[in-house]
Amino acid sequence: MDLPVDEEDGSFTNISLADDPDRRSGRLSSKAERARSTMMNADMDDLSARVDAVKEENLKLKSENQVLGQYIENLMSASSVFQTTDTKSKRK
C-alpha cells in the first residue's frame, strides 16, 4: 500500500476517510463485501475441485499399489530365493 509522502520532511500524510460519502453510506463496504464473497466462493470452488482431483488420484494410486503388491507376491512365490525355510528341520 503506497501512502502519500510529504516531500519536505519525508513523513507520511494522513488521509481522513470520515468525509468520504461512499464510506458513510456503506456503498464501499457492501461492494467490497460482495467482491470478497465472490472471491471466497471462487476459492472454495477451486479448493473443492482440487480436493476431488486429489481423492480421485488417491484411489487410482491405491488400486495400482494393490496390483503391484499382488504382482510382487506372485514373483516372490515363484522364486526359490524367497521361499520360506524351515529352520527346525535343518537343526536335526
PDB file of N, CA and C in Angstrom:
ATOM      1  N   MET A   1       0.847  -1.164   0.000  1.00  0.00           N
ATOM      2  CA  MET A   1       0.000   0.000   0.000  1.00  0.00           C
ATOM      3  C   MET A   1       0.892   1.226   0.000  1.00  0.00           C
ATOM      4  N   ASP A   2       0.760   2.081  -1.000  1.00  0.00           N
ATOM      5  CA  ASP A   2       1.560   3.295  -1.096  1.00  0.00           C
ATOM      6  C   ASP A   2       0.836   4.439  -0.414  1.00  0.00           C
ATOM      7  N   LEU A   3       1.512   5.070   0.516  1.00  0.00           N
ATOM      8  CA  LEU A   3       0.942   6.223   1.209  1.00  0.00           C
ATOM      9  C   LEU A   3       1.616   7.483   0.700  1.00  0.00           C
ATOM     10  N   PRO A   4       0.867   8.596   0.628  1.00  0.00           N
ATOM     11  CA  PRO A   4       1.487   9.846   0.184  1.00  0.00           C
ATOM     12  C   PRO A   4       2.582  10.271   1.156  1.00  0.00           C
ATOM     13  N   VAL A   5       3.702  10.713   0.597  1.00  0.00           N
ATOM     14  CA  VAL A   5       4.832  11.135   1.417  1.00  0.00           C
ATOM     15  C   VAL A   5       5.021  12.633   1.252  1.00  0.00           C
ATOM     16  N   ASP A   6       5.192  13.333   2.375  1.00  0.00           N
ATOM     17  CA  ASP A   6       5.466  14.775   2.352  1.00  0.00           C
ATOM     18  C   ASP A   6       6.870  14.954   1.800  1.00  0.00           C
ATOM     19  N   GLU A   7       6.989  15.694   0.713  1.00  0.00           N
ATOM     20  CA  GLU A   7       8.271  15.888   0.041  1.00  0.00           C
ATOM     21  C   GLU A   7       9.295  16.603   0.911  1.00  0.00           C
ATOM     22  N   GLU A   8       8.841  17.501   1.791  1.00  0.00           N
ATOM     23  CA  GLU A   8       9.783  18.298   2.578  1.00  0.00           C
ATOM     24  C   GLU A   8      10.497  17.485   3.640  1.00  0.00           C
ATOM     25  N   ASP A   9       9.744  16.734   4.442  1.00  0.00           N
ATOM     26  CA  ASP A   9      10.403  16.016   5.535  1.00  0.00           C
ATOM     27  C   ASP A   9      10.320  14.499   5.409  1.00  0.00           C
ATOM     28  N   GLY A  10       9.706  13.964   4.355  1.00  0.00           N
ATOM     29  CA  GLY A  10       9.647  12.526   4.134  1.00  0.00           C
ATOM     30  C   GLY A  10       8.652  11.803   5.021  1.00  0.00           C
ATOM     31  N   SER A  11       7.811  12.521   5.753  1.00  0.00           N
ATOM     32  CA  SER A  11       6.836  11.869   6.626  1.00  0.00           C
ATOM     33  C   SER A  11       5.591  11.509   5.824  1.00  0.00           C
ATOM     34  N   PHE A  12       4.799  10.572   6.357  1.00  0.00           N
ATOM     35  CA  PHE A  12       3.568  10.153   5.700  1.00  0.00           C
ATOM     36  C   PHE A  12       2.449  11.142   5.997  1.00  0.00           C
ATOM     37  N   THR A  13       1.546  11.269   5.051  1.00  0.00           N
ATOM     38  CA  THR A  13       0.408  12.163   5.212  1.00  0.00           C
ATOM     39  C   THR A  13      -0.809  11.326   5.558  1.00  0.00           C
ATOM     40  N   ASN A  14      -1.544  11.722   6.589  1.00  0.00           N
ATOM     41  CA  ASN A  14      -2.773  11.027   6.963  1.00  0.00           C
ATOM     42  C   ASN A  14      -3.916  11.537   6.116  1.00  0.00           C
ATOM     43  N   ILE A  15      -4.734  10.635   5.631  1.00  0.00           N
ATOM     44  CA  ILE A  15      -5.910  10.994   4.846  1.00  0.00           C
ATOM     45  C   ILE A  15      -7.125  10.504   5.607  1.00  0.00           C
ATOM     46  N   SER A  16      -8.039  11.392   5.913  1.00  0.00           N
ATOM     47  CA  SER A  16      -9.247  11.036   6.646  1.00  0.00           C
ATOM     48  C   SER A  16     -10.270  10.441   5.699  1.00  0.00           C
ATOM     49  N   LEU A  17     -10.867   9.333   6.098  1.00  0.00           N
ATOM     50  CA  LEU A  17     -11.906   8.708   5.314  1.00  0.00           C
ATOM     51  C   LEU A  17     -13.290   9.049   5.848  1.00  0.00           C
ATOM     52  N   ALA A  18     -13.358   9.802   6.919  1.00  0.00           N
ATOM     53  CA  ALA A  18     -14.634  10.134   7.541  1.00  0.00           C
ATOM     54  C   ALA A  18     -15.518  10.956   6.623  1.00  0.00           C
ATOM     55  N   ASP A  19     -14.963  11.755   5.757  1.00  0.00           N
ATOM     56  CA  ASP A  19     -15.753  12.619   4.887  1.00  0.00           C
ATOM     57  C   ASP A  19     -16.079  11.962   3.553  1.00  0.00           C
ATOM     58  N   ASP A  20     -15.667  10.725   3.353  1.00  0.00           N
ATOM     59  CA  ASP A  20     -15.924  10.031   2.104  1.00  0.00           C
ATOM     60  C   ASP A  20     -17.401   9.623   2.061  1.00  0.00           C
ATOM     61  N   PRO A  21     -18.201  10.172   1.111  1.00  0.00           N
ATOM     62  CA  PRO A  21     -19.629   9.863   1.074  1.00  0.00           C
ATOM     63  C   PRO A  21     -19.908   8.389   0.794  1.00  0.00           C
ATOM     64  N   ASP A  22     -19.055   7.716   0.007  1.00  0.00           N
ATOM     65  CA  ASP A  22     -19.267   6.288  -0.249  1.00  0.00           C
ATOM     66  C   ASP A  22     -19.085   5.471   1.015  1.00  0.00           C
ATOM     67  N   ARG A  23     -18.095   5.818   1.808  1.00  0.00           N
ATOM     68  CA  ARG A  23     -17.838   5.080   3.045  1.00  0.00           C
ATOM     69  C   ARG A  23     -18.961   5.309   4.049  1.00  0.00           C
ATOM     70  N   ARG A  24     -19.435   6.555   4.171  1.00  0.00           N
ATOM     71  CA  ARG A  24     -20.513   6.852   5.118  1.00  0.00           C
ATOM     72  C   ARG A  24     -21.797   6.137   4.738  1.00  0.00           C
ATOM     73  N   SER A  25     -22.087   6.019   3.459  1.00  0.00           N
ATOM     74  CA  SER A  25     -23.338   5.396   3.027  1.00  0.00           C
ATOM     75  C   SER A  25     -23.278   3.874   3.087  1.00  0.00           C
ATOM     76  N   GLY A  26     -22.098   3.335   3.222  1.00  0.00           N
ATOM     77  CA  GLY A  26     -21.942   1.886   3.265  1.00  0.00           C
ATOM     78  C   GLY A  26     -21.801   1.269   1.895  1.00  0.00           C
ATOM     79  N   ARG A  27     -21.816   2.081   0.839  1.00  0.00           N
ATOM     80  CA  ARG A  27     -21.702   1.534  -0.513  1.00  0.00           C
ATOM     81  C   ARG A  27     -20.348   0.882  -0.739  1.00  0.00           C
ATOM     82  N   LEU A  28     -19.307   1.488  -0.226  1.00  0.00           N
ATOM     83  CA  LEU A  28     -17.967   0.951  -0.433  1.00  0.00           C
ATOM     84  C   LEU A  28     -17.820  -0.394   0.269  1.00  0.00           C
ATOM     85  N   SER A  29     -18.285  -0.466   1.507  1.00  0.00           N
ATOM     86  CA  SER A  29     -18.110  -1.716   2.245  1.00  0.00           C
ATOM     87  C   SER A  29     -18.969  -2.827   1.656  1.00  0.00           C
ATOM     88  N   SER A  30     -20.179  -2.509   1.187  1.00  0.00           N
ATOM     89  CA  SER A  30     -21.006  -3.572   0.620  1.00  0.00           C
ATOM     90  C   SER A  30     -20.420  -4.051  -0.705  1.00  0.00           C
ATOM     91  N   LYS A  31     -19.854  -3.142  -1.507  1.00  0.00           N
ATOM     92  CA  LYS A  31     -19.183  -3.548  -2.741  1.00  0.00           C
ATOM     93  C   LYS A  31     -17.975  -4.415  -2.412  1.00  0.00           C
ATOM     94  N   ALA A  32     -17.226  -3.984  -1.409  1.00  0.00           N
ATOM     95  CA  ALA A  32     -16.043  -4.751  -1.009  1.00  0.00           C
ATOM     96  C   ALA A  32     -16.449  -6.120  -0.479  1.00  0.00           C
ATOM     97  N   GLU A  33     -17.535  -6.148   0.294  1.00  0.00           N
ATOM     98  CA  GLU A  33     -18.006  -7.422   0.842  1.00  0.00           C
ATOM     99  C   GLU A  33     -18.469  -8.351  -0.271  1.00  0.00           C
ATOM    100  N   ARG A  34     -19.178  -7.812  -1.262  1.00  0.00           N
ATOM    101  CA  ARG A  34     -19.626  -8.648  -2.386  1.00  0.00           C
ATOM    102  C   ARG A  34     -18.425  -9.183  -3.155  1.00  0.00           C
ATOM    103  N   ALA A  35     -17.436  -8.329  -3.369  1.00  0.00           N
ATOM    104  CA  ALA A  35     -16.232  -8.769  -4.084  1.00  0.00           C
ATOM    105  C   ALA A  35     -15.503  -9.837  -3.288  1.00  0.00           C
ATOM    106  N   ARG A  36     -15.386  -9.612  -1.988  1.00  0.00           N
ATOM    107  CA  ARG A  36     -14.701 -10.588  -1.132  1.00  0.00           C
ATOM    108  C   ARG A  36     -15.470 -11.904  -1.112  1.00  0.00           C
ATOM    109  N   SER A  37     -16.801 -11.821  -1.027  1.00  0.00           N
ATOM    110  CA  SER A  37     -17.621 -13.020  -1.011  1.00  0.00           C
ATOM    111  C   SER A  37     -17.493 -13.793  -2.313  1.00  0.00           C
ATOM    112  N   THR A  38     -17.490 -13.061  -3.430  1.00  0.00           N
ATOM    113  CA  THR A  38     -17.329 -13.702  -4.735  1.00  0.00           C
ATOM    114  C   THR A  38     -15.979 -14.393  -4.823  1.00  0.00           C
ATOM    115  N   MET A  39     -14.931 -13.716  -4.338  1.00  0.00           N
ATOM    116  CA  MET A  39     -13.593 -14.312  -4.369  1.00  0.00           C
ATOM    117  C   MET A  39     -13.536 -15.542  -3.482  1.00  0.00           C
ATOM    118  N   MET A  40     -14.169 -15.471  -2.304  1.00  0.00           N
ATOM    119  CA  MET A  40     -14.148 -16.619  -1.395  1.00  0.00           C
ATOM    120  C   MET A  40     -14.900 -17.794  -2.004  1.00  0.00           C
ATOM    121  N   ASN A  41     -16.030 -17.513  -2.672  1.00  0.00           N
ATOM    122  CA  ASN A  41     -16.779 -18.599  -3.318  1.00  0.00           C
ATOM    123  C   ASN A  41     -15.952 -19.228  -4.426  1.00  0.00           C
ATOM    124  N   ALA A  42     -15.263 -18.402  -5.192  1.00  0.00           N
ATOM    125  CA  ALA A  42     -14.406 -18.925  -6.253  1.00  0.00           C
ATOM    126  C   ALA A  42     -13.274 -19.755  -5.650  1.00  0.00           C
ATOM    127  N   ASP A  43     -12.696 -19.277  -4.554  1.00  0.00           N
ATOM    128  CA  ASP A  43     -11.632 -20.022  -3.886  1.00  0.00           C
ATOM    129  C   ASP A  43     -12.159 -21.364  -3.374  1.00  0.00           C
ATOM    130  N   MET A  44     -13.362 -21.354  -2.798  1.00  0.00           N
ATOM    131  CA  MET A  44     -13.946 -22.588  -2.282  1.00  0.00           C
ATOM    132  C   MET A  44     -14.226 -23.566  -3.432  1.00  0.00           C
ATOM    133  N   ASP A  45     -14.701 -23.043  -4.567  1.00  0.00           N
ATOM    134  CA  ASP A  45     -14.941 -23.903  -5.724  1.00  0.00           C
ATOM    135  C   ASP A  45     -13.634 -24.513  -6.206  1.00  0.00           C
ATOM    136  N   ASP A  46     -12.580 -23.685  -6.248  1.00  0.00           N
ATOM    137  CA  ASP A  46     -11.266 -24.189  -6.663  1.00  0.00           C
ATOM    138  C   ASP A  46     -10.767 -25.255  -5.697  1.00  0.00           C
ATOM    139  N   LEU A  47     -10.934 -24.994  -4.399  1.00  0.00           N
ATOM    140  CA  LEU A  47     -10.485 -25.964  -3.399  1.00  0.00           C
ATOM    141  C   LEU A  47     -11.268 -27.265  -3.510  1.00  0.00           C
ATOM    142  N   SER A  48     -12.577 -27.159  -3.714  1.00  0.00           N
ATOM    143  CA  SER A  48     -13.395 -28.366  -3.854  1.00  0.00           C
ATOM    144  C   SER A  48     -12.956 -29.180  -5.061  1.00  0.00           C
ATOM    145  N   ALA A  49     -12.681 -28.503  -6.156  1.00  0.00           N
ATOM    146  CA  ALA A  49     -12.229 -29.204  -7.357  1.00  0.00           C
ATOM    147  C   ALA A  49     -10.886 -29.875  -7.105  1.00  0.00           C
ATOM    148  N   ARG A  50     -10.001 -29.178  -6.409  1.00  0.00           N
ATOM    149  CA  ARG A  50      -8.682 -29.755  -6.114  1.00  0.00           C
ATOM    150  C   ARG A  50      -8.807 -30.959  -5.189  1.00  0.00           C
ATOM    151  N   VAL A  51      -9.683 -30.870  -4.178  1.00  0.00           N
ATOM    152  CA  VAL A  51      -9.888 -31.990  -3.257  1.00  0.00           C
ATOM    153  C   VAL A  51     -10.435 -33.197  -4.020  1.00  0.00           C
ATOM    154  N   ASP A  52     -11.401 -32.953  -4.902  1.00  0.00           N
ATOM    155  CA  ASP A  52     -11.961 -34.053  -5.695  1.00  0.00           C
ATOM    156  C   ASP A  52     -10.895 -34.694  -6.572  1.00  0.00           C
ATOM    157  N   ALA A  53     -10.038 -33.877  -7.185  1.00  0.00           N
ATOM    158  CA  ALA A  53      -8.971 -34.413  -8.032  1.00  0.00           C
ATOM    159  C   ALA A  53      -7.985 -35.232  -7.210  1.00  0.00           C
ATOM    160  N   VAL A  54      -7.647 -34.766  -6.023  1.00  0.00           N
ATOM    161  CA  VAL A  54      -6.707 -35.500  -5.162  1.00  0.00           C
ATOM    162  C   VAL A  54      -7.327 -36.812  -4.697  1.00  0.00           C
ATOM    163  N   LYS A  55      -8.616 -36.796  -4.357  1.00  0.00           N
ATOM    164  CA  LYS A  55      -9.288 -38.040  -3.950  1.00  0.00           C
ATOM    165  C   LYS A  55      -9.267 -39.058  -5.090  1.00  0.00           C
ATOM    166  N   GLU A  56      -9.559 -38.578  -6.292  1.00  0.00           N
ATOM    167  CA  GLU A  56      -9.557 -39.468  -7.454  1.00  0.00           C
ATOM    168  C   GLU A  56      -8.167 -40.050  -7.702  1.00  0.00           C
ATOM    169  N   GLU A  57      -7.147 -39.202  -7.622  1.00  0.00           N
ATOM    170  CA  GLU A  57      -5.766 -39.664  -7.812  1.00  0.00           C
ATOM    171  C   GLU A  57      -5.378 -40.657  -6.719  1.00  0.00           C
ATOM    172  N   ASN A  58      -5.811 -40.419  -5.493  1.00  0.00           N
ATOM    173  CA  ASN A  58      -5.512 -41.306  -4.374  1.00  0.00           C
ATOM    174  C   ASN A  58      -6.114 -42.696  -4.614  1.00  0.00           C
ATOM    175  N   LEU A  59      -7.365 -42.735  -5.055  1.00  0.00           N
ATOM    176  CA  LEU A  59      -7.999 -44.024  -5.338  1.00  0.00           C
ATOM    177  C   LEU A  59      -7.279 -44.765  -6.456  1.00  0.00           C
ATOM    178  N   LYS A  60      -6.871 -44.032  -7.475  1.00  0.00           N
ATOM    179  CA  LYS A  60      -6.145 -44.631  -8.589  1.00  0.00           C
ATOM    180  C   LYS A  60      -4.820 -45.227  -8.116  1.00  0.00           C
ATOM    181  N   LEU A  61      -4.099 -44.466  -7.296  1.00  0.00           N
ATOM    182  CA  LEU A  61      -2.804 -44.948  -6.804  1.00  0.00           C
ATOM    183  C   LEU A  61      -2.972 -46.148  -5.873  1.00  0.00           C
ATOM    184  N   LYS A  62      -4.013 -46.149  -5.048  1.00  0.00           N
ATOM    185  CA  LYS A  62      -4.263 -47.303  -4.177  1.00  0.00           C
ATOM    186  C   LYS A  62      -4.509 -48.553  -5.004  1.00  0.00           C
ATOM    187  N   SER A  63      -5.285 -48.400  -6.061  1.00  0.00           N
ATOM    188  CA  SER A  63      -5.568 -49.538  -6.937  1.00  0.00           C
ATOM    189  C   SER A  63      -4.287 -50.040  -7.602  1.00  0.00           C
ATOM    190  N   GLU A  64      -3.481 -49.119  -8.100  1.00  0.00           N
ATOM    191  CA  GLU A  64      -2.217 -49.502  -8.723  1.00  0.00           C
ATOM    192  C   GLU A  64      -1.294 -50.185  -7.723  1.00  0.00           C
ATOM    193  N   ASN A  65      -1.266 -49.698  -6.488  1.00  0.00           N
ATOM    194  CA  ASN A  65      -0.427 -50.313  -5.454  1.00  0.00           C
ATOM    195  C   ASN A  65      -0.881 -51.740  -5.153  1.00  0.00           C
ATOM    196  N   GLN A  66      -2.191 -51.975  -5.143  1.00  0.00           N
ATOM    197  CA  GLN A  66      -2.686 -53.326  -4.905  1.00  0.00           C
ATOM    198  C   GLN A  66      -2.250 -54.267  -6.029  1.00  0.00           C
ATOM    199  N   VAL A  67      -2.348 -53.789  -7.263  1.00  0.00           N
ATOM    200  CA  VAL A  67      -1.932 -54.610  -8.407  1.00  0.00           C
ATOM    201  C   VAL A  67      -0.442 -54.908  -8.316  1.00  0.00           C
ATOM    202  N   LEU A  68       0.359 -53.891  -8.037  1.00  0.00           N
ATOM    203  CA  LEU A  68       1.811 -54.103  -7.924  1.00  0.00           C
ATOM    204  C   LEU A  68       2.155 -55.024  -6.763  1.00  0.00           C
ATOM    205  N   GLY A  69       1.469 -54.865  -5.637  1.00  0.00           N
ATOM    206  CA  GLY A  69       1.713 -55.740  -4.487  1.00  0.00           C
ATOM    207  C   GLY A  69       1.428 -57.191  -4.809  1.00  0.00           C
ATOM    208  N   GLN A  70       0.321 -57.420  -5.504  1.00  0.00           N
ATOM    209  CA  GLN A  70      -0.024 -58.790  -5.892  1.00  0.00           C
ATOM    210  C   GLN A  70       1.005 -59.349  -6.869  1.00  0.00           C
ATOM    211  N   TYR A  71       1.454 -58.518  -7.798  1.00  0.00           N
ATOM    212  CA  TYR A  71       2.466 -58.929  -8.780  1.00  0.00           C
ATOM    213  C   TYR A  71       3.762 -59.320  -8.061  1.00  0.00           C
ATOM    214  N   ILE A  72       4.183 -58.511  -7.094  1.00  0.00           N
ATOM    215  CA  ILE A  72       5.416 -58.801  -6.345  1.00  0.00           C
ATOM    216  C   ILE A  72       5.263 -60.091  -5.550  1.00  0.00           C
ATOM    217  N   GLU A  73       4.111 -60.284  -4.911  1.00  0.00           N
ATOM    218  CA  GLU A  73       3.873 -61.523  -4.162  1.00  0.00           C
ATOM    219  C   GLU A  73       3.947 -62.736  -5.084  1.00  0.00           C
ATOM    220  N   ASN A  74       3.368 -62.615  -6.272  1.00  0.00           N
ATOM    221  CA  ASN A  74       3.423 -63.726  -7.233  1.00  0.00           C
ATOM    222  C   ASN A  74       4.853 -64.018  -7.669  1.00  0.00           C
ATOM    223  N   LEU A  75       5.638 -62.981  -7.927  1.00  0.00           N
ATOM    224  CA  LEU A  75       7.039 -63.179  -8.298  1.00  0.00           C
ATOM    225  C   LEU A  75       7.823 -63.835  -7.169  1.00  0.00           C
ATOM    226  N   MET A  76       7.589 -63.374  -5.948  1.00  0.00           N
ATOM    227  CA  MET A  76       8.323 -63.923  -4.801  1.00  0.00           C
ATOM    228  C   MET A  76       7.954 -65.381  -4.565  1.00  0.00           C
ATOM    229  N   SER A  77       6.691 -65.729  -4.734  1.00  0.00           N
ATOM    230  CA  SER A  77       6.297 -67.129  -4.511  1.00  0.00           C
ATOM    231  C   SER A  77       6.822 -68.041  -5.612  1.00  0.00           C
ATOM    232  N   ALA A  78       7.040 -67.499  -6.799  1.00  0.00           N
ATOM    233  CA  ALA A  78       7.566 -68.306  -7.909  1.00  0.00           C
ATOM    234  C   ALA A  78       9.081 -68.459  -7.844  1.00  0.00           C
ATOM    235  N   SER A  79       9.752 -67.658  -7.036  1.00  0.00           N
ATOM    236  CA  SER A  79      11.205 -67.688  -6.964  1.00  0.00           C
ATOM    237  C   SER A  79      11.658 -68.526  -5.774  1.00  0.00           C
ATOM    238  N   SER A  80      12.693 -69.357  -5.985  1.00  0.00           N
ATOM    239  CA  SER A  80      13.206 -70.170  -4.883  1.00  0.00           C
ATOM    240  C   SER A  80      13.991 -69.322  -3.883  1.00  0.00           C
ATOM    241  N   VAL A  81      14.447 -68.153  -4.273  1.00  0.00           N
ATOM    242  CA  VAL A  81      15.206 -67.286  -3.377  1.00  0.00           C
ATOM    243  C   VAL A  81      14.325 -66.811  -2.225  1.00  0.00           C
ATOM    244  N   PHE A  82      13.060 -66.608  -2.495  1.00  0.00           N
ATOM    245  CA  PHE A  82      12.170 -66.063  -1.475  1.00  0.00           C
ATOM    246  C   PHE A  82      11.320 -67.129  -0.788  1.00  0.00           C
ATOM    247  N   GLN A  83      11.600 -68.389  -1.036  1.00  0.00           N
ATOM    248  CA  GLN A  83      10.840 -69.451  -0.386  1.00  0.00           C
ATOM    249  C   GLN A  83      11.194 -69.468   1.101  1.00  0.00           C
ATOM    250  N   THR A  84      10.210 -69.715   1.918  1.00  0.00           N
ATOM    251  CA  THR A  84      10.462 -69.773   3.360  1.00  0.00           C
ATOM    252  C   THR A  84      11.234 -71.043   3.667  1.00  0.00           C
ATOM    253  N   THR A  85      12.116 -70.933   4.630  1.00  0.00           N
ATOM    254  CA  THR A  85      12.900 -72.097   5.036  1.00  0.00           C
ATOM    255  C   THR A  85      12.410 -72.559   6.396  1.00  0.00           C
ATOM    256  N   ASP A  86      12.445 -73.824   6.591  1.00  0.00           N
ATOM    257  CA  ASP A  86      12.027 -74.401   7.853  1.00  0.00           C
ATOM    258  C   ASP A  86      13.270 -74.589   8.705  1.00  0.00           C
ATOM    259  N   THR A  87      13.514 -73.732   9.661  1.00  0.00           N
ATOM    260  CA  THR A  87      14.724 -73.790  10.465  1.00  0.00           C
ATOM    261  C   THR A  87      14.755 -74.965  11.408  1.00  0.00           C
ATOM    262  N   LYS A  88      13.614 -75.497  11.790  1.00  0.00           N
ATOM    263  CA  LYS A  88      13.554 -76.639  12.714  1.00  0.00           C
ATOM    264  C   LYS A  88      14.091 -77.917  12.071  1.00  0.00           C
ATOM    265  N   SER A  89      13.772 -78.122  10.800  1.00  0.00           N
ATOM    266  CA  SER A  89      14.202 -79.351  10.145  1.00  0.00           C
ATOM    267  C   SER A  89      15.714 -79.337   9.864  1.00  0.00           C
ATOM    268  N   LYS A  90      16.333 -78.174   9.695  1.00  0.00           N
ATOM    269  CA  LYS A  90      17.763 -78.087   9.426  1.00  0.00           C
ATOM    270  C   LYS A  90      18.595 -78.308  10.681  1.00  0.00           C
ATOM    271  N   ARG A  91      18.031 -78.129  11.848  1.00  0.00           N
ATOM    272  CA  ARG A  91      18.789 -78.283  13.098  1.00  0.00           C
ATOM    273  C   ARG A  91      18.992 -79.729  13.483  1.00  0.00           C
ATOM    274  N   LYS A  92      18.278 -80.635  12.938  1.00  0.00           N
ATOM    275  CA  LYS A  92      18.388 -82.052  13.324  1.00  0.00           C
ATOM    276  C   LYS A  92      19.685 -82.660  12.986  1.00  0.00           C
TER     277      LYS A  92
END
